[in-house]
């Protein structure tokens, strides 16, 4: 997809945020930046998101020919089962609910369809969706390049310790140049919560690896 050109006079992109105010509002700012450059944006939202003042402001500032919300169902989180991490279960549930709807939406678009998917860093599974549709997927992260590099490295080479009770076990992020060594207790919860063979854990890791495989990365 390296030949894809996002020409501002014709480009139409699908922007897909995720749950959490920090992620959602950052994606809305990205949406505004795209709109000011003449790019047509379809923004994935839920019914609750439509009442957000920032979404209402975008609807007020831009005509339907430039900006349209795509309203998808809200994932009703009920039970984590054996999974300890809320994000694991939520991301998997959101994918199972939204993937078919997004695929049908793309197939229903008049030619040419949107030229790219720009989605949040917690939605790495959208890279598989983009591959199925035949458009590039760009990862959007509300944090900087260094955290993205660290996150990607940790999911590619999951940290392991010889003694599960050793909280001081040293961890080096091998794929990040000049990485310091950190004690195990500083490892973020998702890596410690990951359980090999657990469906939610395995799906989340696969989704994160989708970020590594994506066509490009964007930040504000």
N, C-alpha and C. Protein backbone atom coordinates (compact mmCIF):
# COMPACT_ATOMS: atom_id res chain seq x y z
N UNK A 1 0.81 -1.21 0.00
CA UNK A 1 0.00 0.00 0.00
C UNK A 1 0.85 1.27 0.00
N UNK A 2 2.14 1.15 -0.25
CA UNK A 2 3.01 2.31 -0.20
C UNK A 2 2.69 3.30 -1.30
N UNK A 3 1.92 2.87 -2.37
CA UNK A 3 1.57 3.77 -3.44
C UNK A 3 0.35 4.61 -3.13
N UNK A 4 -0.30 4.35 -1.99
CA UNK A 4 -1.49 5.10 -1.62
C UNK A 4 -1.13 6.54 -1.28
N UNK A 5 -1.77 7.48 -1.90
CA UNK A 5 -1.51 8.90 -1.64
C UNK A 5 -2.74 9.52 -1.02
N UNK A 6 -2.59 10.15 0.14
CA UNK A 6 -3.72 10.80 0.79
C UNK A 6 -3.82 12.23 0.28
N UNK A 7 -4.41 12.40 -0.89
CA UNK A 7 -4.55 13.73 -1.47
C UNK A 7 -5.69 14.45 -0.78
N UNK A 8 -5.41 15.63 -0.25
CA UNK A 8 -6.38 16.28 0.62
C UNK A 8 -7.68 16.61 -0.09
N UNK A 9 -7.63 16.81 -1.43
CA UNK A 9 -8.85 17.20 -2.12
C UNK A 9 -9.81 16.02 -2.33
N UNK A 10 -9.33 14.79 -2.20
CA UNK A 10 -10.17 13.64 -2.47
C UNK A 10 -10.18 12.62 -1.34
N UNK A 11 -9.23 12.69 -0.42
CA UNK A 11 -9.05 11.61 0.55
C UNK A 11 -10.21 11.53 1.54
N UNK A 12 -10.61 10.29 1.80
CA UNK A 12 -11.62 10.00 2.81
C UNK A 12 -11.05 8.91 3.70
N UNK A 13 -11.01 9.15 5.00
CA UNK A 13 -10.44 8.17 5.92
C UNK A 13 -11.45 7.83 7.01
N UNK A 14 -11.31 6.63 7.53
CA UNK A 14 -12.09 6.20 8.69
C UNK A 14 -11.22 6.36 9.92
N UNK A 15 -11.70 7.10 10.90
CA UNK A 15 -10.97 7.30 12.16
C UNK A 15 -11.73 6.57 13.26
N UNK A 16 -10.98 5.76 14.02
CA UNK A 16 -11.62 4.88 14.99
C UNK A 16 -10.92 5.05 16.36
N UNK A 17 -11.56 5.78 17.27
CA UNK A 17 -11.01 5.92 18.63
C UNK A 17 -11.39 4.73 19.50
N UNK A 18 -10.97 4.77 20.74
CA UNK A 18 -11.33 3.72 21.68
C UNK A 18 -11.78 4.34 22.99
N UNK A 19 -12.16 3.46 23.94
CA UNK A 19 -12.67 3.91 25.22
C UNK A 19 -11.57 4.62 26.00
N UNK A 20 -11.97 5.43 26.97
CA UNK A 20 -11.01 6.17 27.79
C UNK A 20 -10.88 7.59 27.30
N UNK A 21 -11.13 8.55 28.18
CA UNK A 21 -11.16 9.96 27.77
C UNK A 21 -9.85 10.40 27.13
N UNK A 22 -8.71 9.97 27.70
CA UNK A 22 -7.43 10.40 27.16
C UNK A 22 -7.23 9.98 25.72
N UNK A 23 -7.66 8.77 25.39
CA UNK A 23 -7.55 8.27 24.03
C UNK A 23 -8.61 8.91 23.13
N UNK A 24 -9.83 8.99 23.61
CA UNK A 24 -10.94 9.47 22.79
C UNK A 24 -10.75 10.94 22.40
N UNK A 25 -10.44 11.78 23.37
CA UNK A 25 -10.31 13.21 23.08
C UNK A 25 -9.09 13.51 22.23
N UNK A 26 -8.03 12.74 22.40
CA UNK A 26 -6.86 12.92 21.53
C UNK A 26 -7.22 12.59 20.08
N UNK A 27 -8.03 11.55 19.89
CA UNK A 27 -8.44 11.17 18.54
C UNK A 27 -9.37 12.22 17.94
N UNK A 28 -10.18 12.86 18.76
CA UNK A 28 -11.02 13.94 18.25
C UNK A 28 -10.18 15.12 17.79
N UNK A 29 -9.10 15.40 18.49
CA UNK A 29 -8.20 16.47 18.05
C UNK A 29 -7.53 16.10 16.74
N UNK A 30 -7.12 14.84 16.61
CA UNK A 30 -6.57 14.37 15.34
C UNK A 30 -7.61 14.55 14.22
N UNK A 31 -8.86 14.20 14.51
CA UNK A 31 -9.93 14.35 13.52
C UNK A 31 -10.05 15.79 13.06
N UNK A 32 -10.00 16.72 14.01
CA UNK A 32 -10.09 18.14 13.65
C UNK A 32 -8.91 18.55 12.76
N UNK A 33 -7.73 18.08 13.10
CA UNK A 33 -6.55 18.42 12.30
C UNK A 33 -6.69 17.90 10.87
N UNK A 34 -7.24 16.70 10.71
CA UNK A 34 -7.46 16.15 9.37
C UNK A 34 -8.49 16.98 8.61
N UNK A 35 -9.56 17.35 9.29
CA UNK A 35 -10.62 18.13 8.64
C UNK A 35 -10.13 19.50 8.19
N UNK A 36 -9.29 20.13 8.99
CA UNK A 36 -8.77 21.45 8.61
C UNK A 36 -7.87 21.37 7.38
N UNK A 37 -7.40 20.19 7.08
CA UNK A 37 -6.55 19.99 5.90
C UNK A 37 -7.34 19.47 4.70
N UNK A 38 -8.64 19.48 4.82
CA UNK A 38 -9.49 19.13 3.69
C UNK A 38 -9.74 17.66 3.51
N UNK A 39 -9.37 16.84 4.49
CA UNK A 39 -9.60 15.40 4.38
C UNK A 39 -10.99 15.07 4.91
N UNK A 40 -11.72 14.27 4.18
CA UNK A 40 -13.05 13.83 4.61
C UNK A 40 -12.88 12.74 5.67
N UNK A 41 -13.63 12.85 6.76
CA UNK A 41 -13.47 11.92 7.88
C UNK A 41 -14.80 11.30 8.25
N UNK A 42 -14.81 9.98 8.37
CA UNK A 42 -15.89 9.26 9.04
C UNK A 42 -15.34 8.81 10.38
N UNK A 43 -16.00 9.21 11.45
CA UNK A 43 -15.53 8.93 12.81
C UNK A 43 -16.42 7.87 13.45
N UNK A 44 -15.81 6.78 13.91
CA UNK A 44 -16.55 5.73 14.61
C UNK A 44 -16.89 6.22 16.01
N UNK A 45 -18.16 6.17 16.35
CA UNK A 45 -18.63 6.59 17.68
C UNK A 45 -19.70 5.62 18.15
N UNK A 46 -20.04 5.71 19.41
CA UNK A 46 -21.22 5.04 19.94
C UNK A 46 -22.31 6.09 20.16
N UNK A 47 -23.50 5.64 20.47
CA UNK A 47 -24.60 6.59 20.70
C UNK A 47 -24.26 7.55 21.85
N UNK A 48 -23.57 7.04 22.86
CA UNK A 48 -23.19 7.91 23.98
C UNK A 48 -22.20 8.99 23.55
N UNK A 49 -21.31 8.65 22.61
CA UNK A 49 -20.31 9.60 22.15
C UNK A 49 -20.93 10.79 21.43
N UNK A 50 -22.08 10.56 20.79
CA UNK A 50 -22.71 11.64 20.02
C UNK A 50 -23.07 12.83 20.89
N UNK A 51 -23.27 12.60 22.17
CA UNK A 51 -23.63 13.70 23.08
C UNK A 51 -22.41 14.41 23.65
N UNK A 52 -21.23 13.95 23.30
CA UNK A 52 -20.01 14.62 23.76
C UNK A 52 -19.94 16.02 23.16
N UNK A 53 -19.67 17.05 23.97
CA UNK A 53 -19.58 18.42 23.43
C UNK A 53 -18.57 18.54 22.29
N UNK A 54 -17.48 17.79 22.35
CA UNK A 54 -16.47 17.89 21.30
C UNK A 54 -16.96 17.27 19.99
N UNK A 55 -17.72 16.19 20.08
CA UNK A 55 -18.30 15.61 18.87
C UNK A 55 -19.37 16.54 18.32
N UNK A 56 -20.20 17.09 19.20
CA UNK A 56 -21.23 18.03 18.76
C UNK A 56 -20.61 19.24 18.08
N UNK A 57 -19.46 19.69 18.58
CA UNK A 57 -18.79 20.84 17.98
C UNK A 57 -18.29 20.52 16.57
N UNK A 58 -17.75 19.31 16.40
CA UNK A 58 -17.31 18.91 15.06
C UNK A 58 -18.49 18.85 14.09
N UNK A 59 -19.62 18.33 14.56
CA UNK A 59 -20.82 18.26 13.72
C UNK A 59 -21.32 19.65 13.35
N UNK A 60 -21.12 20.59 14.26
CA UNK A 60 -21.53 21.97 14.01
C UNK A 60 -20.57 22.70 13.06
N UNK A 61 -19.28 22.39 13.19
CA UNK A 61 -18.26 23.12 12.43
C UNK A 61 -18.08 22.63 11.01
N UNK A 62 -18.46 21.37 10.73
CA UNK A 62 -18.18 20.79 9.41
C UNK A 62 -19.44 20.19 8.81
N UNK A 63 -19.64 20.38 7.51
CA UNK A 63 -20.85 19.85 6.86
C UNK A 63 -20.76 18.33 6.71
N UNK A 64 -21.89 17.67 6.47
CA UNK A 64 -21.89 16.20 6.29
C UNK A 64 -20.99 15.73 5.16
N UNK A 65 -20.74 16.58 4.18
CA UNK A 65 -19.86 16.18 3.08
C UNK A 65 -18.40 16.05 3.53
N UNK A 66 -18.07 16.65 4.69
CA UNK A 66 -16.70 16.59 5.21
C UNK A 66 -16.57 15.67 6.42
N UNK A 67 -17.62 15.63 7.24
CA UNK A 67 -17.52 14.88 8.50
C UNK A 67 -18.81 14.14 8.77
N UNK A 68 -18.68 12.84 9.01
CA UNK A 68 -19.84 12.00 9.32
C UNK A 68 -19.50 11.06 10.46
N UNK A 69 -20.38 10.93 11.47
CA UNK A 69 -20.18 9.88 12.47
C UNK A 69 -20.71 8.54 11.98
N UNK A 70 -20.02 7.48 12.32
CA UNK A 70 -20.49 6.12 12.06
C UNK A 70 -20.82 5.53 13.41
N UNK A 71 -22.11 5.39 13.72
CA UNK A 71 -22.55 4.98 15.05
C UNK A 71 -22.59 3.45 15.12
N UNK A 72 -21.78 2.90 16.01
CA UNK A 72 -21.75 1.45 16.24
C UNK A 72 -22.23 1.16 17.66
N UNK A 73 -22.66 -0.06 17.93
CA UNK A 73 -23.16 -0.38 19.27
C UNK A 73 -22.08 -0.25 20.33
N UNK A 74 -22.50 0.08 21.53
CA UNK A 74 -21.59 0.11 22.67
C UNK A 74 -21.39 -1.31 23.19
N UNK A 75 -20.14 -1.67 23.40
CA UNK A 75 -19.88 -3.00 23.95
C UNK A 75 -20.27 -3.00 25.42
N UNK A 76 -21.18 -3.87 25.79
CA UNK A 76 -21.64 -3.97 27.16
C UNK A 76 -20.78 -4.97 27.91
N UNK A 77 -19.79 -4.47 28.61
CA UNK A 77 -18.87 -5.33 29.34
C UNK A 77 -19.60 -5.95 30.53
N UNK A 78 -19.51 -7.28 30.64
CA UNK A 78 -20.25 -7.96 31.71
C UNK A 78 -19.35 -8.75 32.65
N UNK A 79 -18.50 -9.63 32.09
CA UNK A 79 -17.77 -10.54 32.96
C UNK A 79 -16.39 -10.82 32.37
N UNK A 80 -15.34 -10.66 33.16
CA UNK A 80 -13.99 -10.93 32.69
C UNK A 80 -13.67 -12.41 32.71
N UNK A 81 -14.47 -13.23 33.36
CA UNK A 81 -14.14 -14.64 33.48
C UNK A 81 -12.80 -14.81 34.17
N UNK A 82 -11.93 -15.67 33.63
CA UNK A 82 -10.64 -15.89 34.29
C UNK A 82 -9.64 -14.78 34.05
N UNK A 83 -9.96 -13.84 33.14
CA UNK A 83 -9.03 -12.77 32.81
C UNK A 83 -9.03 -11.71 33.91
N UNK A 84 -7.84 -11.35 34.38
CA UNK A 84 -7.76 -10.34 35.43
C UNK A 84 -7.75 -8.93 34.88
N UNK A 85 -7.41 -8.77 33.61
CA UNK A 85 -7.22 -7.44 33.05
C UNK A 85 -8.45 -6.99 32.29
N UNK A 86 -9.03 -5.88 32.72
CA UNK A 86 -10.24 -5.34 32.11
C UNK A 86 -10.01 -5.01 30.65
N UNK A 87 -8.85 -4.44 30.32
CA UNK A 87 -8.58 -4.01 28.95
C UNK A 87 -8.57 -5.21 28.01
N UNK A 88 -7.97 -6.32 28.44
CA UNK A 88 -7.93 -7.51 27.59
C UNK A 88 -9.33 -7.91 27.14
N UNK A 89 -10.22 -8.07 28.13
CA UNK A 89 -11.57 -8.53 27.84
C UNK A 89 -12.35 -7.50 27.03
N UNK A 90 -12.14 -6.24 27.34
CA UNK A 90 -12.89 -5.19 26.66
C UNK A 90 -12.49 -5.07 25.19
N UNK A 91 -11.20 -5.10 24.92
CA UNK A 91 -10.73 -4.99 23.54
C UNK A 91 -11.23 -6.16 22.70
N UNK A 92 -11.17 -7.37 23.26
CA UNK A 92 -11.65 -8.54 22.52
C UNK A 92 -13.16 -8.44 22.27
N UNK A 93 -13.91 -8.02 23.27
CA UNK A 93 -15.35 -7.90 23.10
C UNK A 93 -15.72 -6.83 22.09
N UNK A 94 -14.97 -5.71 22.10
CA UNK A 94 -15.23 -4.64 21.15
C UNK A 94 -14.95 -5.11 19.73
N UNK A 95 -13.90 -5.88 19.55
CA UNK A 95 -13.57 -6.40 18.22
C UNK A 95 -14.68 -7.31 17.70
N UNK A 96 -15.14 -8.22 18.55
CA UNK A 96 -16.16 -9.18 18.12
C UNK A 96 -17.46 -8.47 17.75
N UNK A 97 -17.73 -7.35 18.40
CA UNK A 97 -18.96 -6.61 18.13
C UNK A 97 -18.81 -5.72 16.89
N UNK A 98 -17.67 -5.08 16.74
CA UNK A 98 -17.51 -4.04 15.71
C UNK A 98 -16.95 -4.54 14.39
N UNK A 99 -16.15 -5.60 14.40
CA UNK A 99 -15.50 -6.04 13.15
C UNK A 99 -16.51 -6.30 12.05
N UNK A 100 -17.55 -7.12 12.28
CA UNK A 100 -18.52 -7.37 11.19
C UNK A 100 -19.20 -6.10 10.71
N UNK A 101 -19.53 -5.20 11.63
CA UNK A 101 -20.21 -3.96 11.24
C UNK A 101 -19.30 -3.08 10.39
N UNK A 102 -18.03 -3.00 10.75
CA UNK A 102 -17.09 -2.19 9.98
C UNK A 102 -16.85 -2.80 8.60
N UNK A 103 -16.74 -4.11 8.54
CA UNK A 103 -16.53 -4.76 7.27
C UNK A 103 -17.72 -4.52 6.34
N UNK A 104 -18.94 -4.64 6.87
CA UNK A 104 -20.13 -4.39 6.06
C UNK A 104 -20.20 -2.94 5.61
N UNK A 105 -19.80 -2.03 6.50
CA UNK A 105 -19.83 -0.60 6.15
C UNK A 105 -18.88 -0.33 4.99
N UNK A 106 -17.66 -0.85 5.06
CA UNK A 106 -16.71 -0.64 3.97
C UNK A 106 -17.24 -1.19 2.66
N UNK A 107 -17.84 -2.38 2.70
CA UNK A 107 -18.33 -3.00 1.48
C UNK A 107 -19.52 -2.24 0.89
N UNK A 108 -20.21 -1.46 1.71
CA UNK A 108 -21.37 -0.71 1.24
C UNK A 108 -21.02 0.67 0.70
N UNK A 109 -19.75 1.08 0.83
CA UNK A 109 -19.36 2.41 0.40
C UNK A 109 -19.25 2.49 -1.12
N UNK A 110 -19.68 3.63 -1.68
CA UNK A 110 -19.52 3.80 -3.12
C UNK A 110 -18.04 3.88 -3.49
N UNK A 111 -17.74 3.55 -4.73
CA UNK A 111 -16.35 3.58 -5.19
C UNK A 111 -15.94 5.03 -5.47
N UNK A 112 -14.73 5.46 -5.04
CA UNK A 112 -13.76 4.68 -4.26
C UNK A 112 -14.10 4.71 -2.78
N UNK A 113 -13.78 3.67 -2.05
CA UNK A 113 -14.04 3.65 -0.61
C UNK A 113 -13.00 4.48 0.12
N UNK A 114 -13.12 4.64 1.45
CA UNK A 114 -12.08 5.35 2.20
C UNK A 114 -10.70 4.76 1.92
N UNK A 115 -9.70 5.63 1.88
CA UNK A 115 -8.36 5.19 1.48
C UNK A 115 -7.53 4.65 2.63
N UNK A 116 -7.99 4.81 3.88
CA UNK A 116 -7.20 4.34 5.01
C UNK A 116 -8.05 4.24 6.26
N UNK A 117 -7.59 3.43 7.20
CA UNK A 117 -8.13 3.37 8.56
C UNK A 117 -7.08 3.95 9.50
N UNK A 118 -7.48 4.93 10.30
CA UNK A 118 -6.61 5.46 11.35
C UNK A 118 -7.26 5.10 12.67
N UNK A 119 -6.61 4.24 13.45
CA UNK A 119 -7.25 3.75 14.67
C UNK A 119 -6.30 3.81 15.86
N UNK A 120 -6.90 3.81 17.03
CA UNK A 120 -6.17 3.95 18.28
C UNK A 120 -5.21 2.79 18.50
N UNK A 121 -4.20 3.06 19.32
CA UNK A 121 -3.16 2.06 19.59
C UNK A 121 -3.69 0.83 20.33
N UNK A 122 -4.86 0.91 20.94
CA UNK A 122 -5.46 -0.26 21.58
C UNK A 122 -6.27 -1.10 20.60
N UNK A 123 -6.31 -0.67 19.36
CA UNK A 123 -7.13 -1.34 18.35
C UNK A 123 -6.27 -1.92 17.24
N UNK A 124 -5.18 -2.59 17.64
CA UNK A 124 -4.30 -3.18 16.65
C UNK A 124 -4.97 -4.19 15.76
N UNK A 125 -6.08 -4.78 16.23
CA UNK A 125 -6.80 -5.76 15.40
C UNK A 125 -7.36 -5.14 14.14
N UNK A 126 -7.49 -3.82 14.10
CA UNK A 126 -7.99 -3.18 12.88
C UNK A 126 -7.00 -3.30 11.73
N UNK A 127 -5.75 -3.67 12.03
CA UNK A 127 -4.80 -3.92 10.94
C UNK A 127 -5.24 -5.13 10.12
N UNK A 128 -5.80 -6.15 10.80
CA UNK A 128 -6.33 -7.32 10.09
C UNK A 128 -7.55 -6.93 9.25
N UNK A 129 -8.38 -6.06 9.79
CA UNK A 129 -9.54 -5.56 9.05
C UNK A 129 -9.07 -4.81 7.80
N UNK A 130 -8.07 -3.94 7.97
CA UNK A 130 -7.56 -3.17 6.84
C UNK A 130 -6.99 -4.08 5.75
N UNK A 131 -6.29 -5.13 6.18
CA UNK A 131 -5.74 -6.08 5.21
C UNK A 131 -6.85 -6.78 4.43
N UNK A 132 -7.94 -7.12 5.12
CA UNK A 132 -9.05 -7.79 4.45
C UNK A 132 -9.72 -6.87 3.44
N UNK A 133 -9.82 -5.58 3.80
CA UNK A 133 -10.46 -4.61 2.92
C UNK A 133 -9.54 -4.21 1.78
N UNK A 134 -8.23 -4.16 2.08
CA UNK A 134 -7.26 -3.75 1.07
C UNK A 134 -6.87 -2.29 1.15
N UNK A 135 -6.88 -1.72 2.37
CA UNK A 135 -6.44 -0.34 2.58
C UNK A 135 -5.37 -0.34 3.67
N UNK A 136 -4.54 0.71 3.75
CA UNK A 136 -3.55 0.78 4.83
C UNK A 136 -4.20 1.15 6.15
N UNK A 137 -3.64 0.63 7.22
CA UNK A 137 -4.05 1.02 8.57
C UNK A 137 -2.92 1.79 9.22
N UNK A 138 -3.24 2.95 9.76
CA UNK A 138 -2.28 3.77 10.48
C UNK A 138 -2.60 3.73 11.97
N UNK A 139 -1.61 3.42 12.75
CA UNK A 139 -1.74 3.42 14.21
C UNK A 139 -1.69 4.85 14.70
N UNK A 140 -2.66 5.24 15.52
CA UNK A 140 -2.62 6.55 16.18
C UNK A 140 -2.39 6.36 17.67
N UNK A 141 -1.39 7.05 18.20
CA UNK A 141 -1.07 6.95 19.62
C UNK A 141 -1.12 8.33 20.26
N UNK A 142 -1.82 8.47 21.40
CA UNK A 142 -1.83 9.76 22.11
C UNK A 142 -0.55 10.02 22.89
N UNK A 143 0.35 9.04 22.93
CA UNK A 143 1.63 9.23 23.61
C UNK A 143 2.75 9.31 22.56
N UNK A 144 3.97 9.55 23.00
CA UNK A 144 5.07 9.80 22.09
C UNK A 144 5.67 8.54 21.50
N UNK A 145 6.70 8.74 20.67
CA UNK A 145 7.33 7.64 19.95
C UNK A 145 8.03 6.66 20.89
N UNK A 146 8.65 7.18 21.94
CA UNK A 146 9.38 6.30 22.86
C UNK A 146 8.46 5.30 23.56
N UNK A 147 7.33 5.74 24.15
CA UNK A 147 6.42 4.75 24.75
C UNK A 147 5.89 3.73 23.74
N UNK A 148 5.64 4.17 22.52
CA UNK A 148 5.16 3.24 21.50
C UNK A 148 6.22 2.18 21.23
N UNK A 149 7.48 2.60 21.13
CA UNK A 149 8.57 1.66 20.88
C UNK A 149 8.71 0.66 22.03
N UNK A 150 8.57 1.15 23.26
CA UNK A 150 8.68 0.28 24.44
C UNK A 150 7.54 -0.73 24.46
N UNK A 151 6.32 -0.25 24.24
CA UNK A 151 5.14 -1.13 24.24
C UNK A 151 5.28 -2.22 23.18
N UNK A 152 5.65 -1.80 21.96
CA UNK A 152 5.78 -2.78 20.88
C UNK A 152 6.86 -3.81 21.20
N UNK A 153 7.96 -3.34 21.77
CA UNK A 153 9.06 -4.26 22.09
C UNK A 153 8.65 -5.28 23.14
N UNK A 154 7.94 -4.83 24.18
CA UNK A 154 7.55 -5.73 25.26
C UNK A 154 6.57 -6.80 24.77
N UNK A 155 5.67 -6.43 23.84
CA UNK A 155 4.73 -7.44 23.35
C UNK A 155 5.38 -8.40 22.37
N UNK A 156 6.39 -7.95 21.66
CA UNK A 156 7.09 -8.86 20.76
C UNK A 156 7.96 -9.86 21.54
N UNK A 157 8.60 -9.36 22.58
CA UNK A 157 9.46 -10.20 23.41
C UNK A 157 8.96 -10.11 24.85
N UNK A 158 7.96 -10.90 25.17
CA UNK A 158 7.32 -10.82 26.48
C UNK A 158 8.33 -11.03 27.60
N UNK A 159 8.35 -10.13 28.60
CA UNK A 159 9.28 -10.30 29.72
C UNK A 159 8.93 -11.53 30.55
N UNK A 160 9.94 -12.28 30.92
CA UNK A 160 9.76 -13.47 31.75
C UNK A 160 10.77 -13.43 32.87
N UNK A 161 10.41 -14.04 33.99
CA UNK A 161 11.34 -14.11 35.12
C UNK A 161 11.44 -15.56 35.61
N UNK A 162 12.60 -15.91 36.06
CA UNK A 162 12.85 -17.28 36.52
C UNK A 162 12.06 -17.60 37.79
N UNK A 163 11.99 -16.63 38.67
CA UNK A 163 11.27 -16.81 39.94
C UNK A 163 10.03 -15.92 39.94
N UNK A 164 8.82 -16.48 39.90
CA UNK A 164 7.61 -15.65 39.82
C UNK A 164 7.40 -14.74 41.02
N UNK A 165 8.13 -14.95 42.09
CA UNK A 165 7.99 -14.12 43.28
C UNK A 165 9.07 -13.04 43.38
N UNK A 166 9.98 -13.01 42.41
CA UNK A 166 11.09 -12.06 42.47
C UNK A 166 10.68 -10.74 41.82
N UNK A 167 10.26 -9.78 42.64
CA UNK A 167 9.80 -8.49 42.12
C UNK A 167 10.95 -7.60 41.68
N UNK A 168 12.17 -7.97 42.03
CA UNK A 168 13.33 -7.18 41.62
C UNK A 168 14.03 -7.77 40.39
N UNK A 169 13.43 -8.79 39.78
CA UNK A 169 14.04 -9.42 38.62
C UNK A 169 14.31 -8.38 37.54
N UNK A 170 15.54 -8.29 37.01
CA UNK A 170 15.87 -7.22 36.06
C UNK A 170 15.32 -7.49 34.66
N UNK A 171 14.77 -6.44 34.06
CA UNK A 171 14.20 -6.51 32.72
C UNK A 171 14.90 -5.46 31.85
N UNK A 172 15.37 -5.88 30.69
CA UNK A 172 15.94 -4.97 29.70
C UNK A 172 15.11 -5.05 28.44
N UNK A 173 14.75 -3.91 27.89
CA UNK A 173 13.93 -3.86 26.68
C UNK A 173 14.89 -3.92 25.50
N UNK A 174 15.12 -5.12 25.01
CA UNK A 174 16.23 -5.38 24.09
C UNK A 174 16.11 -4.65 22.76
N UNK A 175 14.89 -4.43 22.28
CA UNK A 175 14.71 -3.83 20.96
C UNK A 175 14.77 -2.30 20.99
N UNK A 176 14.85 -1.71 22.17
CA UNK A 176 14.93 -0.26 22.30
C UNK A 176 16.39 0.12 22.56
N UNK A 177 17.04 0.86 21.67
CA UNK A 177 18.45 1.20 21.85
C UNK A 177 18.69 1.94 23.17
N UNK A 178 19.80 1.59 23.81
CA UNK A 178 20.23 2.24 25.06
C UNK A 178 19.21 2.08 26.19
N UNK A 179 18.43 1.01 26.15
CA UNK A 179 17.44 0.78 27.19
C UNK A 179 18.11 0.53 28.53
N UNK A 180 17.54 1.11 29.57
CA UNK A 180 17.99 0.83 30.92
C UNK A 180 17.43 -0.53 31.37
N UNK A 181 17.93 -1.00 32.49
CA UNK A 181 17.41 -2.20 33.12
C UNK A 181 16.44 -1.80 34.23
N UNK A 182 15.28 -2.45 34.26
CA UNK A 182 14.24 -2.10 35.21
C UNK A 182 13.91 -3.31 36.08
N UNK A 183 13.50 -3.08 37.33
CA UNK A 183 13.03 -4.19 38.16
C UNK A 183 11.64 -4.63 37.70
N UNK A 184 11.32 -5.89 37.93
CA UNK A 184 10.05 -6.45 37.48
C UNK A 184 8.85 -5.64 37.96
N UNK A 185 8.90 -5.11 39.16
CA UNK A 185 7.74 -4.42 39.70
C UNK A 185 7.37 -3.16 38.91
N UNK A 186 8.26 -2.69 38.05
CA UNK A 186 7.95 -1.53 37.23
C UNK A 186 7.30 -1.90 35.90
N UNK A 187 7.18 -3.19 35.62
CA UNK A 187 6.52 -3.61 34.39
C UNK A 187 5.03 -3.28 34.48
N UNK A 188 4.45 -2.64 33.45
CA UNK A 188 3.02 -2.29 33.49
C UNK A 188 2.14 -3.54 33.64
N UNK A 189 0.97 -3.34 34.22
CA UNK A 189 0.05 -4.44 34.53
C UNK A 189 -0.26 -5.37 33.36
N UNK A 190 -0.51 -4.86 32.14
CA UNK A 190 -0.89 -5.79 31.07
C UNK A 190 0.13 -6.90 30.82
N UNK A 191 1.41 -6.61 30.98
CA UNK A 191 2.43 -7.63 30.73
C UNK A 191 2.48 -8.65 31.87
N UNK A 192 2.21 -8.17 33.07
CA UNK A 192 2.18 -9.09 34.21
C UNK A 192 0.89 -9.90 34.21
N UNK A 193 -0.20 -9.30 33.72
CA UNK A 193 -1.49 -10.00 33.70
C UNK A 193 -1.60 -11.01 32.57
N UNK A 194 -0.75 -10.88 31.56
CA UNK A 194 -0.82 -11.80 30.42
C UNK A 194 -0.63 -13.24 30.88
N UNK A 195 -1.54 -14.10 30.43
CA UNK A 195 -1.48 -15.52 30.75
C UNK A 195 -1.47 -16.31 29.45
N UNK A 196 -0.39 -17.03 29.20
CA UNK A 196 -0.28 -17.81 27.98
C UNK A 196 -1.42 -18.82 27.87
N UNK A 197 -2.10 -18.82 26.73
CA UNK A 197 -3.22 -19.72 26.51
C UNK A 197 -4.57 -19.13 26.85
N UNK A 198 -4.60 -18.06 27.65
CA UNK A 198 -5.87 -17.41 27.98
C UNK A 198 -6.38 -16.67 26.74
N UNK A 199 -7.62 -16.91 26.29
CA UNK A 199 -8.10 -16.32 25.03
C UNK A 199 -8.01 -14.79 25.00
N UNK A 200 -8.40 -14.12 26.09
CA UNK A 200 -8.34 -12.67 26.09
C UNK A 200 -6.90 -12.17 26.05
N UNK A 201 -6.02 -12.82 26.81
CA UNK A 201 -4.61 -12.44 26.81
C UNK A 201 -3.99 -12.63 25.43
N UNK A 202 -4.26 -13.77 24.82
CA UNK A 202 -3.67 -14.06 23.52
C UNK A 202 -4.23 -13.13 22.44
N UNK A 203 -5.52 -12.82 22.54
CA UNK A 203 -6.08 -11.90 21.56
C UNK A 203 -5.46 -10.52 21.70
N UNK A 204 -5.31 -10.06 22.94
CA UNK A 204 -4.76 -8.72 23.14
C UNK A 204 -3.33 -8.64 22.61
N UNK A 205 -2.53 -9.68 22.88
CA UNK A 205 -1.16 -9.66 22.37
C UNK A 205 -1.17 -9.65 20.85
N UNK A 206 -2.02 -10.47 20.23
CA UNK A 206 -2.12 -10.49 18.78
C UNK A 206 -2.50 -9.12 18.24
N UNK A 207 -3.42 -8.45 18.95
CA UNK A 207 -3.84 -7.12 18.54
C UNK A 207 -2.68 -6.14 18.63
N UNK A 208 -1.91 -6.22 19.71
CA UNK A 208 -0.76 -5.33 19.87
C UNK A 208 0.29 -5.59 18.79
N UNK A 209 0.48 -6.83 18.41
CA UNK A 209 1.41 -7.14 17.34
C UNK A 209 0.90 -6.61 16.00
N UNK A 210 -0.41 -6.44 15.89
CA UNK A 210 -0.97 -5.79 14.71
C UNK A 210 -0.50 -4.36 14.58
N UNK A 211 -0.23 -3.70 15.70
CA UNK A 211 0.34 -2.35 15.66
C UNK A 211 1.71 -2.36 14.99
N UNK A 212 2.52 -3.36 15.35
CA UNK A 212 3.86 -3.46 14.78
C UNK A 212 3.79 -3.65 13.27
N UNK A 213 2.78 -4.38 12.80
CA UNK A 213 2.66 -4.72 11.38
C UNK A 213 1.95 -3.64 10.56
N UNK A 214 1.47 -2.58 11.20
CA UNK A 214 0.66 -1.59 10.51
C UNK A 214 1.47 -0.79 9.49
N UNK A 215 0.76 -0.18 8.57
CA UNK A 215 1.37 0.57 7.47
C UNK A 215 2.15 1.79 7.94
N UNK A 216 1.65 2.44 9.01
CA UNK A 216 2.31 3.63 9.51
C UNK A 216 1.86 4.00 10.90
N UNK A 217 2.48 5.02 11.47
CA UNK A 217 2.19 5.48 12.83
C UNK A 217 1.98 6.99 12.79
N UNK A 218 0.96 7.46 13.51
CA UNK A 218 0.72 8.90 13.60
C UNK A 218 0.59 9.35 15.04
N UNK A 219 1.06 10.57 15.31
CA UNK A 219 0.96 11.15 16.64
C UNK A 219 0.62 12.62 16.51
N UNK A 220 0.08 13.19 17.57
CA UNK A 220 -0.17 14.62 17.59
C UNK A 220 1.07 15.36 18.07
